[in-house]
Every structure is written in structure tokens, then in C-alpha cells.
N, C-alpha and C. Protein backbone atom coordinates (compact mmCIF):
# COMPACT_ATOMS: atom_id res chain seq x y z
N MET A 1 -76.59 79.48 78.00
CA MET A 1 -76.61 78.94 76.65
C MET A 1 -77.71 77.88 76.56
N ALA A 2 -78.51 77.92 75.55
CA ALA A 2 -79.61 76.98 75.39
C ALA A 2 -79.10 75.62 74.93
N LYS A 3 -79.91 74.60 75.20
CA LYS A 3 -79.51 73.24 74.84
C LYS A 3 -79.31 73.08 73.34
N THR A 4 -80.14 73.74 72.55
CA THR A 4 -80.02 73.61 71.10
C THR A 4 -78.71 74.19 70.59
N GLU A 5 -78.23 75.24 71.25
CA GLU A 5 -76.95 75.83 70.84
C GLU A 5 -75.79 74.88 71.15
N LEU A 6 -75.93 74.09 72.21
CA LEU A 6 -74.88 73.13 72.55
C LEU A 6 -74.89 71.94 71.59
N LYS A 7 -76.05 71.59 71.09
CA LYS A 7 -76.18 70.42 70.21
C LYS A 7 -75.82 70.74 68.76
N GLN A 8 -75.91 72.00 68.38
CA GLN A 8 -75.69 72.39 66.98
C GLN A 8 -74.30 72.01 66.46
N PRO A 9 -73.21 72.21 67.23
CA PRO A 9 -71.89 71.80 66.71
C PRO A 9 -71.79 70.29 66.46
N VAL A 10 -72.44 69.49 67.30
CA VAL A 10 -72.42 68.04 67.11
C VAL A 10 -73.18 67.67 65.83
N ILE A 11 -74.32 68.29 65.62
CA ILE A 11 -75.12 68.03 64.42
C ILE A 11 -74.34 68.43 63.17
N GLU A 12 -73.66 69.57 63.22
CA GLU A 12 -72.84 70.01 62.09
C GLU A 12 -71.68 69.06 61.84
N GLU A 13 -71.08 68.54 62.91
CA GLU A 13 -69.97 67.59 62.78
C GLU A 13 -70.44 66.33 62.05
N ILE A 14 -71.59 65.81 62.46
CA ILE A 14 -72.13 64.61 61.81
C ILE A 14 -72.44 64.90 60.34
N ALA A 15 -73.10 66.03 60.09
CA ALA A 15 -73.48 66.39 58.72
C ALA A 15 -72.25 66.55 57.83
N ASN A 16 -71.20 67.17 58.34
CA ASN A 16 -69.97 67.35 57.56
C ASN A 16 -69.26 66.02 57.32
N THR A 17 -69.35 65.11 58.29
CA THR A 17 -68.70 63.81 58.14
C THR A 17 -69.36 62.98 57.05
N VAL A 18 -70.69 62.99 57.01
CA VAL A 18 -71.40 62.14 56.04
C VAL A 18 -71.61 62.81 54.69
N LYS A 19 -71.38 64.13 54.63
CA LYS A 19 -71.67 64.89 53.41
C LYS A 19 -70.93 64.36 52.19
N ASP A 20 -69.63 64.19 52.27
CA ASP A 20 -68.82 63.77 51.13
C ASP A 20 -68.32 62.33 51.27
N ALA A 21 -68.98 61.53 52.08
CA ALA A 21 -68.52 60.17 52.35
C ALA A 21 -68.84 59.22 51.20
N GLN A 22 -67.93 58.30 50.93
CA GLN A 22 -68.17 57.24 49.96
C GLN A 22 -69.11 56.19 50.56
N CYS A 23 -68.93 55.94 51.86
CA CYS A 23 -69.70 54.89 52.52
C CYS A 23 -70.01 55.29 53.96
N VAL A 24 -71.27 55.11 54.35
CA VAL A 24 -71.72 55.33 55.72
C VAL A 24 -72.46 54.07 56.15
N VAL A 25 -72.00 53.44 57.23
CA VAL A 25 -72.64 52.23 57.73
C VAL A 25 -73.14 52.49 59.14
N LEU A 26 -74.40 52.18 59.38
CA LEU A 26 -75.01 52.29 60.70
C LEU A 26 -74.92 50.92 61.34
N VAL A 27 -74.36 50.86 62.55
CA VAL A 27 -74.11 49.59 63.21
C VAL A 27 -74.62 49.63 64.64
N ASN A 28 -75.19 48.49 65.10
CA ASN A 28 -75.62 48.35 66.47
C ASN A 28 -74.48 47.66 67.23
N TYR A 29 -73.90 48.34 68.18
CA TYR A 29 -72.72 47.85 68.86
C TYR A 29 -73.01 47.28 70.24
N SER A 30 -74.27 47.16 70.62
CA SER A 30 -74.58 46.69 71.98
C SER A 30 -74.07 45.26 72.17
N GLY A 31 -73.55 45.00 73.35
CA GLY A 31 -73.03 43.67 73.67
C GLY A 31 -71.54 43.51 73.46
N LEU A 32 -70.88 44.49 72.87
CA LEU A 32 -69.42 44.41 72.70
C LEU A 32 -68.73 44.79 74.01
N THR A 33 -67.65 44.10 74.31
CA THR A 33 -66.85 44.50 75.46
C THR A 33 -65.96 45.66 75.05
N VAL A 34 -65.38 46.31 76.03
CA VAL A 34 -64.49 47.44 75.74
C VAL A 34 -63.28 46.98 74.94
N ALA A 35 -62.74 45.82 75.27
CA ALA A 35 -61.57 45.30 74.55
C ALA A 35 -61.92 45.01 73.09
N GLN A 36 -63.08 44.41 72.84
CA GLN A 36 -63.51 44.11 71.48
C GLN A 36 -63.72 45.40 70.69
N ASP A 37 -64.38 46.37 71.32
CA ASP A 37 -64.64 47.64 70.67
C ASP A 37 -63.34 48.38 70.35
N THR A 38 -62.40 48.35 71.28
CA THR A 38 -61.11 49.02 71.06
C THR A 38 -60.35 48.39 69.91
N LEU A 39 -60.36 47.07 69.85
CA LEU A 39 -59.69 46.36 68.76
C LEU A 39 -60.31 46.72 67.41
N MET A 40 -61.63 46.75 67.37
CA MET A 40 -62.34 47.08 66.12
C MET A 40 -62.07 48.53 65.71
N ARG A 41 -62.12 49.45 66.67
CA ARG A 41 -61.86 50.86 66.38
C ARG A 41 -60.46 51.06 65.83
N LYS A 42 -59.48 50.33 66.37
CA LYS A 42 -58.09 50.46 65.92
C LYS A 42 -57.98 50.07 64.44
N GLU A 43 -58.59 48.95 64.08
CA GLU A 43 -58.52 48.51 62.68
C GLU A 43 -59.26 49.47 61.76
N LEU A 44 -60.40 49.98 62.21
CA LEU A 44 -61.15 50.95 61.40
C LEU A 44 -60.32 52.21 61.19
N ARG A 45 -59.68 52.67 62.24
CA ARG A 45 -58.87 53.89 62.16
C ARG A 45 -57.71 53.70 61.18
N GLU A 46 -57.07 52.51 61.22
CA GLU A 46 -55.95 52.23 60.31
C GLU A 46 -56.40 52.21 58.85
N ALA A 47 -57.66 51.87 58.62
CA ALA A 47 -58.20 51.82 57.26
C ALA A 47 -58.75 53.18 56.83
N GLY A 48 -58.65 54.20 57.68
CA GLY A 48 -59.13 55.53 57.32
C GLY A 48 -60.62 55.71 57.52
N VAL A 49 -61.22 54.87 58.37
CA VAL A 49 -62.65 54.93 58.63
C VAL A 49 -62.90 55.65 59.95
N VAL A 50 -63.83 56.60 59.93
CA VAL A 50 -64.21 57.31 61.15
C VAL A 50 -65.35 56.52 61.79
N TYR A 51 -65.15 56.10 63.04
CA TYR A 51 -66.16 55.33 63.77
C TYR A 51 -66.50 56.09 65.03
N LYS A 52 -67.76 56.53 65.14
CA LYS A 52 -68.17 57.32 66.29
C LYS A 52 -69.57 56.95 66.73
N VAL A 53 -69.79 57.10 68.02
CA VAL A 53 -71.10 56.89 68.60
C VAL A 53 -71.73 58.26 68.83
N TYR A 54 -72.92 58.44 68.31
CA TYR A 54 -73.69 59.67 68.50
C TYR A 54 -75.07 59.31 69.01
N LYS A 55 -75.72 60.29 69.60
CA LYS A 55 -77.11 60.09 69.99
C LYS A 55 -77.96 59.98 68.72
N ASN A 56 -78.97 59.12 68.79
CA ASN A 56 -79.84 58.92 67.63
C ASN A 56 -80.54 60.21 67.21
N THR A 57 -80.93 61.04 68.17
CA THR A 57 -81.61 62.29 67.81
C THR A 57 -80.67 63.23 67.07
N MET A 58 -79.40 63.23 67.46
CA MET A 58 -78.41 64.08 66.77
C MET A 58 -78.22 63.60 65.34
N MET A 59 -78.11 62.28 65.16
CA MET A 59 -77.95 61.73 63.81
C MET A 59 -79.19 62.02 62.98
N ASN A 60 -80.35 61.93 63.59
CA ASN A 60 -81.60 62.19 62.88
C ASN A 60 -81.62 63.61 62.32
N PHE A 61 -81.25 64.59 63.14
CA PHE A 61 -81.20 65.98 62.67
C PHE A 61 -80.13 66.17 61.61
N ALA A 62 -78.97 65.54 61.78
CA ALA A 62 -77.86 65.71 60.85
C ALA A 62 -78.14 65.07 59.49
N PHE A 63 -78.90 63.98 59.47
CA PHE A 63 -79.17 63.27 58.22
C PHE A 63 -80.19 63.97 57.34
N LYS A 64 -80.96 64.88 57.90
CA LYS A 64 -81.99 65.57 57.11
C LYS A 64 -81.35 66.32 55.94
N GLY A 65 -81.85 66.08 54.75
CA GLY A 65 -81.36 66.76 53.56
C GLY A 65 -80.08 66.19 52.99
N THR A 66 -79.64 65.02 53.47
CA THR A 66 -78.44 64.36 52.94
C THR A 66 -78.85 63.01 52.35
N PRO A 67 -77.96 62.36 51.61
CA PRO A 67 -78.29 61.02 51.10
C PRO A 67 -78.54 60.01 52.24
N CYS A 68 -78.07 60.32 53.43
CA CYS A 68 -78.22 59.42 54.58
C CYS A 68 -79.59 59.53 55.25
N GLU A 69 -80.46 60.35 54.71
CA GLU A 69 -81.77 60.56 55.32
C GLU A 69 -82.56 59.25 55.44
N SER A 70 -82.32 58.31 54.55
CA SER A 70 -83.03 57.03 54.60
C SER A 70 -82.62 56.18 55.80
N LEU A 71 -81.50 56.52 56.45
CA LEU A 71 -81.06 55.79 57.63
C LEU A 71 -81.86 56.17 58.88
N CYS A 72 -82.61 57.28 58.82
CA CYS A 72 -83.34 57.77 59.99
C CYS A 72 -84.33 56.74 60.53
N GLU A 73 -84.88 55.92 59.66
CA GLU A 73 -85.86 54.93 60.11
C GLU A 73 -85.24 53.84 60.99
N HIS A 74 -83.91 53.70 60.95
CA HIS A 74 -83.21 52.67 61.73
C HIS A 74 -82.61 53.20 63.02
N LEU A 75 -82.84 54.44 63.35
CA LEU A 75 -82.20 55.05 64.51
C LEU A 75 -82.93 54.70 65.80
N GLU A 76 -82.75 53.48 66.24
CA GLU A 76 -83.30 53.01 67.50
C GLU A 76 -82.23 52.15 68.17
N GLY A 77 -82.08 52.26 69.46
CA GLY A 77 -81.12 51.44 70.19
C GLY A 77 -79.75 52.08 70.23
N THR A 78 -78.74 51.24 70.42
CA THR A 78 -77.36 51.71 70.54
C THR A 78 -76.68 51.66 69.17
N ASN A 79 -76.60 52.79 68.53
CA ASN A 79 -76.05 52.85 67.18
C ASN A 79 -74.76 53.65 67.12
N ALA A 80 -73.94 53.29 66.14
CA ALA A 80 -72.72 54.03 65.85
C ALA A 80 -72.62 54.17 64.34
N LEU A 81 -71.80 55.12 63.91
CA LEU A 81 -71.57 55.36 62.48
C LEU A 81 -70.14 54.99 62.13
N ALA A 82 -69.98 54.29 61.01
CA ALA A 82 -68.67 54.03 60.42
C ALA A 82 -68.69 54.72 59.06
N VAL A 83 -67.80 55.72 58.90
CA VAL A 83 -67.82 56.55 57.70
C VAL A 83 -66.45 56.53 57.04
N SER A 84 -66.44 56.31 55.73
CA SER A 84 -65.20 56.37 54.96
C SER A 84 -65.36 57.35 53.81
N ALA A 85 -64.42 58.27 53.71
CA ALA A 85 -64.45 59.26 52.64
C ALA A 85 -63.77 58.74 51.38
N ASP A 86 -62.90 57.72 51.51
CA ASP A 86 -62.09 57.26 50.38
C ASP A 86 -62.52 55.90 49.83
N ASP A 87 -62.64 54.93 50.70
CA ASP A 87 -62.90 53.55 50.29
C ASP A 87 -64.36 53.20 50.55
N ALA A 88 -65.08 52.82 49.50
CA ALA A 88 -66.51 52.53 49.63
C ALA A 88 -66.78 51.18 50.27
N THR A 89 -65.78 50.31 50.38
CA THR A 89 -66.02 48.99 50.95
C THR A 89 -65.40 48.77 52.31
N ALA A 90 -64.46 49.62 52.72
CA ALA A 90 -63.71 49.40 53.95
C ALA A 90 -64.58 49.28 55.20
N PRO A 91 -65.52 50.20 55.46
CA PRO A 91 -66.31 50.06 56.69
C PRO A 91 -67.09 48.75 56.72
N ALA A 92 -67.72 48.39 55.63
CA ALA A 92 -68.52 47.17 55.59
C ALA A 92 -67.64 45.93 55.74
N ARG A 93 -66.48 45.91 55.09
CA ARG A 93 -65.58 44.77 55.17
C ARG A 93 -65.11 44.53 56.60
N ILE A 94 -64.64 45.60 57.25
CA ILE A 94 -64.09 45.46 58.59
C ILE A 94 -65.19 45.13 59.60
N LEU A 95 -66.33 45.81 59.50
CA LEU A 95 -67.43 45.53 60.43
C LEU A 95 -67.97 44.12 60.24
N ALA A 96 -68.03 43.62 59.01
CA ALA A 96 -68.50 42.25 58.76
C ALA A 96 -67.54 41.23 59.37
N LYS A 97 -66.26 41.53 59.29
CA LYS A 97 -65.25 40.65 59.88
C LYS A 97 -65.48 40.53 61.39
N TYR A 98 -65.72 41.66 62.05
CA TYR A 98 -65.93 41.64 63.48
C TYR A 98 -67.32 41.13 63.84
N ALA A 99 -68.29 41.29 62.97
CA ALA A 99 -69.64 40.76 63.22
C ALA A 99 -69.62 39.23 63.21
N LYS A 100 -68.72 38.64 62.42
CA LYS A 100 -68.58 37.18 62.43
C LYS A 100 -67.96 36.71 63.74
N GLN A 101 -66.98 37.47 64.25
CA GLN A 101 -66.33 37.11 65.50
C GLN A 101 -67.22 37.37 66.71
N TYR A 102 -67.95 38.48 66.67
CA TYR A 102 -68.78 38.90 67.80
C TYR A 102 -70.23 39.04 67.31
N PRO A 103 -71.04 38.01 67.49
CA PRO A 103 -72.40 38.02 66.95
C PRO A 103 -73.29 39.15 67.48
N THR A 104 -72.91 39.78 68.59
CA THR A 104 -73.73 40.87 69.12
C THR A 104 -73.61 42.13 68.27
N LEU A 105 -72.52 42.26 67.50
CA LEU A 105 -72.34 43.40 66.60
C LEU A 105 -73.20 43.17 65.36
N GLU A 106 -73.99 44.17 65.01
CA GLU A 106 -74.91 43.99 63.89
C GLU A 106 -74.89 45.20 62.96
N MET A 107 -74.62 44.95 61.68
CA MET A 107 -74.72 46.02 60.69
C MET A 107 -76.20 46.19 60.36
N ILE A 108 -76.69 47.42 60.45
CA ILE A 108 -78.11 47.67 60.26
C ILE A 108 -78.43 48.06 58.83
N ALA A 109 -77.78 49.10 58.34
CA ALA A 109 -78.01 49.61 56.99
C ALA A 109 -76.86 50.55 56.65
N GLY A 110 -76.88 51.08 55.42
CA GLY A 110 -75.83 52.00 55.03
C GLY A 110 -76.16 52.74 53.75
N VAL A 111 -75.31 53.72 53.47
CA VAL A 111 -75.41 54.49 52.24
C VAL A 111 -74.04 54.42 51.57
N VAL A 112 -74.03 53.89 50.35
CA VAL A 112 -72.78 53.75 49.60
C VAL A 112 -72.90 54.57 48.34
N GLU A 113 -72.02 55.55 48.21
CA GLU A 113 -71.98 56.46 47.06
C GLU A 113 -73.37 57.03 46.76
N GLY A 114 -74.08 57.41 47.83
CA GLY A 114 -75.37 58.06 47.69
C GLY A 114 -76.56 57.13 47.56
N ASN A 115 -76.34 55.82 47.55
CA ASN A 115 -77.42 54.84 47.40
C ASN A 115 -77.65 54.10 48.70
N TYR A 116 -78.91 54.03 49.11
CA TYR A 116 -79.28 53.33 50.34
C TYR A 116 -79.15 51.82 50.15
N ASN A 117 -78.62 51.15 51.17
CA ASN A 117 -78.51 49.69 51.17
C ASN A 117 -79.01 49.17 52.51
N ASP A 118 -79.83 48.14 52.47
CA ASP A 118 -80.29 47.52 53.70
C ASP A 118 -79.20 46.59 54.23
N LYS A 119 -79.52 45.82 55.25
CA LYS A 119 -78.54 44.93 55.87
C LYS A 119 -77.95 43.96 54.85
N ALA A 120 -78.79 43.37 54.01
CA ALA A 120 -78.30 42.42 53.01
C ALA A 120 -77.37 43.10 52.01
N GLY A 121 -77.68 44.32 51.62
CA GLY A 121 -76.83 45.06 50.68
C GLY A 121 -75.47 45.38 51.26
N ILE A 122 -75.45 45.75 52.54
CA ILE A 122 -74.18 46.06 53.20
C ILE A 122 -73.36 44.79 53.37
N GLU A 123 -74.00 43.67 53.70
CA GLU A 123 -73.27 42.41 53.82
C GLU A 123 -72.71 41.97 52.47
N ALA A 124 -73.44 42.21 51.40
CA ALA A 124 -72.92 41.89 50.06
C ALA A 124 -71.74 42.78 49.72
N LEU A 125 -71.81 44.04 50.12
CA LEU A 125 -70.71 44.98 49.89
C LEU A 125 -69.46 44.53 50.64
N ALA A 126 -69.65 43.92 51.80
CA ALA A 126 -68.52 43.47 52.61
C ALA A 126 -67.72 42.39 51.91
N ASN A 127 -68.35 41.66 50.99
CA ASN A 127 -67.65 40.58 50.28
C ASN A 127 -66.83 41.07 49.10
N ILE A 128 -66.97 42.33 48.73
CA ILE A 128 -66.21 42.88 47.62
C ILE A 128 -64.79 43.21 48.11
N PRO A 129 -63.78 42.74 47.42
CA PRO A 129 -62.41 43.06 47.83
C PRO A 129 -62.12 44.56 47.75
N SER A 130 -61.08 44.97 48.43
CA SER A 130 -60.70 46.38 48.41
C SER A 130 -60.20 46.78 47.02
N ARG A 131 -60.10 48.05 46.81
CA ARG A 131 -59.66 48.58 45.50
C ARG A 131 -58.26 48.06 45.16
N GLU A 132 -57.38 48.04 46.16
CA GLU A 132 -56.00 47.59 45.94
C GLU A 132 -55.97 46.11 45.52
N GLU A 133 -56.81 45.30 46.18
CA GLU A 133 -56.88 43.88 45.81
C GLU A 133 -57.40 43.70 44.39
N LEU A 134 -58.43 44.45 44.03
CA LEU A 134 -58.98 44.36 42.68
C LEU A 134 -57.97 44.80 41.63
N LEU A 135 -57.23 45.87 41.91
CA LEU A 135 -56.19 46.32 40.97
C LEU A 135 -55.08 45.29 40.85
N GLY A 136 -54.73 44.65 41.96
CA GLY A 136 -53.72 43.60 41.93
C GLY A 136 -54.15 42.42 41.08
N LYS A 137 -55.42 42.02 41.23
CA LYS A 137 -55.95 40.92 40.41
C LYS A 137 -55.97 41.29 38.93
N LEU A 138 -56.34 42.53 38.63
CA LEU A 138 -56.36 42.99 37.24
C LEU A 138 -54.96 42.96 36.65
N LEU A 139 -54.00 43.48 37.39
CA LEU A 139 -52.62 43.50 36.93
C LEU A 139 -52.10 42.07 36.74
N GLY A 140 -52.44 41.18 37.66
CA GLY A 140 -52.03 39.78 37.55
C GLY A 140 -52.60 39.12 36.31
N SER A 141 -53.87 39.41 36.02
CA SER A 141 -54.48 38.80 34.84
C SER A 141 -53.91 39.39 33.55
N MET A 142 -53.46 40.64 33.60
CA MET A 142 -52.84 41.24 32.42
C MET A 142 -51.43 40.69 32.21
N GLN A 143 -50.73 40.39 33.29
CA GLN A 143 -49.36 39.89 33.19
C GLN A 143 -49.30 38.40 32.86
N SER A 144 -50.36 37.67 33.16
CA SER A 144 -50.36 36.22 33.00
C SER A 144 -50.03 35.76 31.58
N PRO A 145 -50.67 36.28 30.53
CA PRO A 145 -50.33 35.82 29.18
C PRO A 145 -48.87 36.13 28.81
N ILE A 146 -48.39 37.27 29.22
CA ILE A 146 -47.02 37.64 28.90
C ILE A 146 -46.04 36.72 29.61
N ALA A 147 -46.32 36.42 30.90
CA ALA A 147 -45.45 35.54 31.67
C ALA A 147 -45.46 34.12 31.08
N ASN A 148 -46.63 33.65 30.67
CA ASN A 148 -46.71 32.31 30.05
C ASN A 148 -45.93 32.26 28.74
N PHE A 149 -46.04 33.29 27.93
CA PHE A 149 -45.29 33.36 26.67
C PHE A 149 -43.79 33.36 26.95
N ALA A 150 -43.35 34.09 27.95
CA ALA A 150 -41.93 34.13 28.29
C ALA A 150 -41.45 32.75 28.75
N ARG A 151 -42.26 32.03 29.53
CA ARG A 151 -41.89 30.68 29.98
C ARG A 151 -41.75 29.73 28.79
N ILE A 152 -42.66 29.83 27.84
CA ILE A 152 -42.60 28.95 26.66
C ILE A 152 -41.34 29.24 25.85
N LEU A 153 -41.02 30.51 25.65
CA LEU A 153 -39.79 30.87 24.92
C LEU A 153 -38.56 30.36 25.67
N ASN A 154 -38.59 30.42 26.98
CA ASN A 154 -37.47 29.95 27.78
C ASN A 154 -37.32 28.43 27.65
N GLN A 155 -38.41 27.70 27.64
CA GLN A 155 -38.36 26.25 27.48
C GLN A 155 -37.82 25.87 26.10
N ILE A 156 -38.22 26.60 25.09
CA ILE A 156 -37.72 26.35 23.74
C ILE A 156 -36.22 26.59 23.69
N ALA A 157 -35.76 27.66 24.31
CA ALA A 157 -34.34 27.98 24.32
C ALA A 157 -33.55 26.91 25.07
N GLU A 158 -34.10 26.37 26.16
CA GLU A 158 -33.40 25.34 26.93
C GLU A 158 -33.30 24.03 26.16
N LYS A 159 -34.27 23.73 25.31
CA LYS A 159 -34.27 22.47 24.55
C LYS A 159 -33.42 22.54 23.30
N GLY A 160 -32.88 23.66 23.00
CA GLY A 160 -32.02 23.76 21.83
C GLY A 160 -32.54 24.72 20.80
N GLY A 161 -33.60 25.37 21.07
CA GLY A 161 -34.10 26.42 20.19
C GLY A 161 -34.62 25.90 18.87
N ALA A 162 -34.24 26.57 17.79
CA ALA A 162 -34.75 26.29 16.45
C ALA A 162 -34.23 24.97 15.90
N GLU A 163 -33.12 24.43 16.47
CA GLU A 163 -32.55 23.17 15.96
C GLU A 163 -33.55 22.04 16.09
N ASN A 164 -34.34 22.03 17.19
CA ASN A 164 -35.33 20.97 17.37
C ASN A 164 -36.53 21.15 16.46
N CYS A 165 -36.74 22.33 15.98
CA CYS A 165 -37.87 22.59 15.10
C CYS A 165 -37.55 22.23 13.65
N ALA A 166 -36.25 22.10 13.30
CA ALA A 166 -35.84 21.85 11.92
C ALA A 166 -36.40 20.54 11.35
N PRO A 167 -36.38 19.43 12.07
CA PRO A 167 -36.93 18.18 11.47
C PRO A 167 -38.39 18.34 11.08
N ALA A 168 -39.15 19.05 11.80
CA ALA A 168 -40.56 19.22 11.46
C ALA A 168 -40.69 20.00 10.16
N GLU A 169 -39.82 21.00 9.97
CA GLU A 169 -39.87 21.80 8.74
C GLU A 169 -39.41 20.96 7.55
N GLU A 170 -38.34 20.14 7.77
CA GLU A 170 -37.84 19.30 6.68
C GLU A 170 -38.88 18.26 6.29
N ALA A 171 -39.58 17.73 7.28
CA ALA A 171 -40.60 16.73 6.97
C ALA A 171 -41.72 17.35 6.16
N ALA A 172 -42.02 18.60 6.40
CA ALA A 172 -43.06 19.28 5.64
C ALA A 172 -42.61 19.51 4.21
N GLU A 173 -41.30 19.80 4.01
CA GLU A 173 -40.79 20.03 2.68
C GLU A 173 -40.72 18.74 1.87
N GLU A 174 -40.43 17.60 2.53
CA GLU A 174 -40.29 16.33 1.85
C GLU A 174 -41.64 15.71 1.48
N ALA A 175 -42.69 16.17 2.06
CA ALA A 175 -44.01 15.61 1.76
C ALA A 175 -44.35 15.92 0.31
N PRO A 176 -44.93 14.94 -0.39
CA PRO A 176 -45.27 15.16 -1.80
C PRO A 176 -46.38 16.20 -1.95
N ALA A 177 -46.21 17.03 -2.93
CA ALA A 177 -47.20 18.07 -3.19
C ALA A 177 -48.27 17.52 -4.08
N GLU A 178 -49.49 17.81 -3.82
CA GLU A 178 -50.59 17.30 -4.63
C GLU A 178 -51.21 18.35 -5.46
């Protein structure tokens, strides 16, 4: 069997992984210990992110003709791919968290929803909260006015309700009309 025939399944695997991905982040993992890498992989896996190390030449062939083709220029050194099919921010968020803890880990570039992002773009993406957090904040902001209105009605009811409002109405009626 020729070498190219052995490499073809790996190239197809990479191409299929990045084909429908929401987010693909290229990361330089050199300098991480096995324990650090294992901890990071566990968290990525729990978030539904595929994290794999491939040869740069394999990634180069797999990226041809995909939105990830712009990542080919960064394929030097020890690189790995973090790919998420569902959450566009998860790989960047988790990798940024570990990059702060372990300075040897470096996010190089990425493709988010078909758009190329350099290192600065991926780091900015890492600061965006997850979809669930954003929906929670939206729901909280929608509930806030209703909750405040309910508290005010409750305070009025505790103070005696409409009975306390009566003197103000009577004072308005007693005022001379001009």
C-alpha cells in the first residue's frame, strides 16, 4: 500500500471535521505537560469540542478548498485543532482560559462561521459569553421590569393599599379650581 493511500483517510477525517464546524481554532501546544494537556482535553471534550493533533502537512491538504484554507499559512511547529460543530465560542473560551494558566499554550488563528480570524480576533471571541449565558442575561433583563413592578405592588399592599392613597386624592379634590 502506498503512503498516500495511508494518509488519505486522515486527510478525509480532518476535512469532514472542519467542513460543517462553527469554530476551528489552531493552537500551538508546545511546552504543555501531559497532565496540563489531559486536563484541557477533558474540559474541551465536556464542552463538545474535538481537540486533535495532526501533522501540519495533513492539515494543509485537508484545508484546501474549505473556509479553513487561510489557516495554511500558520501551519508551522507543534499545532493542534480545536473544532466545535455547535458552539462558536467554546473552543476559544476554553483555550484562552488555559492559555492564561499556561503561557506556553498559544492560540494562533481560527475560522469562525466561515470567517478567518487572527490571534487578536480569536482572543476577542474568547471574551464573548456562551450562548446559554447570553440567553440567561436576556431573560433576566426581560424579567427585571416585571419583578420590580411586582415588588412595588407588594409594598403598596403591605402599607395598607389604597387607604394610604386616599388622602392624596382628597387633597386634590379640595384644591380650589381655577
